[in-house]
Amino acid sequence: MKKAVTWGLAISYIILFIAMGVMGIKIFDGNYDIVAEGCVALIFLLISCVCNIYRAFSNRCPHCGKIRLSNGKYCSHCGKEI
């Protein structure tokens, strides 16, 4: 599942970057009709936020199963080496 979330995060950042670039080019050319690009950018911004939240809370210790808040060498709950 972590690979899927990582790929989803990368793809959402790429599409978000492209949508923002298209919006910028349209505004630079004087065309202010950017509703579709804005909606696409908002959707992929939300997807990237959800992926980041999932990645933050899926970092679990393989020994005790509790969420690790840091990426240290040892688990802060059980003290075993990761």
Protein backbone atom coordinates (compact mmCIF):
# COMPACT_ATOMS: atom_id res chain seq x y z
CA MET A 1 0.00 0.00 0.00
CA LYS A 2 2.90 2.34 0.69
CA LYS A 3 4.13 2.05 -2.89
CA ALA A 4 0.68 2.92 -4.22
CA VAL A 5 0.47 5.95 -1.94
CA THR A 6 3.97 7.06 -2.93
CA TRP A 7 3.14 6.73 -6.64
CA GLY A 8 -0.18 8.52 -6.10
CA LEU A 9 1.65 11.32 -4.35
CA ALA A 10 4.21 11.68 -7.14
CA ILE A 11 1.57 11.64 -9.87
CA SER A 12 -0.63 14.13 -8.01
CA TYR A 13 2.31 16.53 -7.62
CA ILE A 14 3.12 16.26 -11.34
CA ILE A 15 -0.48 16.89 -12.42
CA LEU A 16 -0.80 19.72 -9.88
CA PHE A 17 2.35 21.32 -11.28
CA ILE A 18 1.06 20.99 -14.86
CA ALA A 19 -2.36 22.44 -13.95
CA MET A 20 -0.77 25.40 -12.17
CA GLY A 21 1.52 25.96 -15.16
CA VAL A 22 -1.42 25.98 -17.58
CA MET A 23 -3.23 28.44 -15.31
CA GLY A 24 -0.19 30.69 -15.26
CA ILE A 25 0.19 30.60 -19.04
CA LYS A 26 -3.51 31.42 -19.52
CA ILE A 27 -3.34 34.35 -17.11
CA PHE A 28 -0.15 35.60 -18.75
CA ASP A 29 -1.90 35.56 -22.16
CA GLY A 30 -4.85 37.54 -20.79
CA ASN A 31 -7.32 34.64 -20.73
CA TYR A 32 -8.87 34.60 -17.25
CA ASP A 33 -11.10 31.57 -17.81
CA ILE A 34 -9.21 29.16 -15.53
CA VAL A 35 -12.07 27.43 -13.73
CA ALA A 36 -11.35 23.95 -15.14
CA GLU A 37 -7.65 24.11 -14.37
CA GLY A 38 -8.41 25.45 -10.90
CA CYS A 39 -10.74 22.54 -10.19
CA VAL A 40 -8.15 20.02 -11.40
CA ALA A 41 -5.46 21.68 -9.28
CA LEU A 42 -7.71 21.67 -6.21
CA ILE A 43 -8.61 17.99 -6.63
CA PHE A 44 -4.98 16.92 -6.95
CA LEU A 45 -3.95 19.18 -4.08
CA LEU A 46 -6.48 17.37 -1.89
CA ILE A 47 -5.25 13.98 -3.14
CA SER A 48 -1.67 14.92 -2.27
CA CYS A 49 -2.75 16.07 1.20
CA VAL A 50 -4.55 12.77 1.83
CA CYS A 51 -1.51 10.80 0.64
CA ASN A 52 0.80 12.80 2.91
CA ILE A 53 -1.49 12.25 5.91
CA TYR A 54 -1.65 8.52 5.18
CA ARG A 55 2.14 8.31 4.91
CA ALA A 56 2.55 10.14 8.21
CA PHE A 57 0.22 7.81 10.11
CA SER A 58 1.22 4.54 8.47
CA ASN A 59 4.75 4.58 9.84
CA ARG A 60 4.40 1.75 12.37
CA CYS A 61 6.88 -0.25 14.41
CA PRO A 62 7.19 -3.83 13.09
CA HIS A 63 7.54 -5.17 16.66
CA CYS A 64 4.84 -3.46 18.72
CA GLY A 65 2.65 -2.01 15.93
CA LYS A 66 2.41 1.48 17.39
CA ILE A 67 2.80 4.61 15.27
CA ARG A 68 6.36 5.91 15.22
CA LEU A 69 6.51 9.70 15.29
CA SER A 70 10.18 9.88 14.32
CA ASN A 71 12.27 8.01 11.81
CA GLY A 72 14.90 7.05 14.35
CA LYS A 73 16.81 3.81 14.66
CA TYR A 74 14.81 2.64 17.70
CA CYS A 75 11.09 2.55 18.48
CA SER A 76 10.13 5.06 21.16
CA HIS A 77 7.47 2.72 22.58
CA CYS A 78 9.14 -0.70 22.82
CA GLY A 79 12.80 0.34 22.43
CA LYS A 80 13.64 -2.30 19.82
CA GLU A 81 15.78 -1.57 16.80
CA ILE A 82 13.85 -0.96 13.59
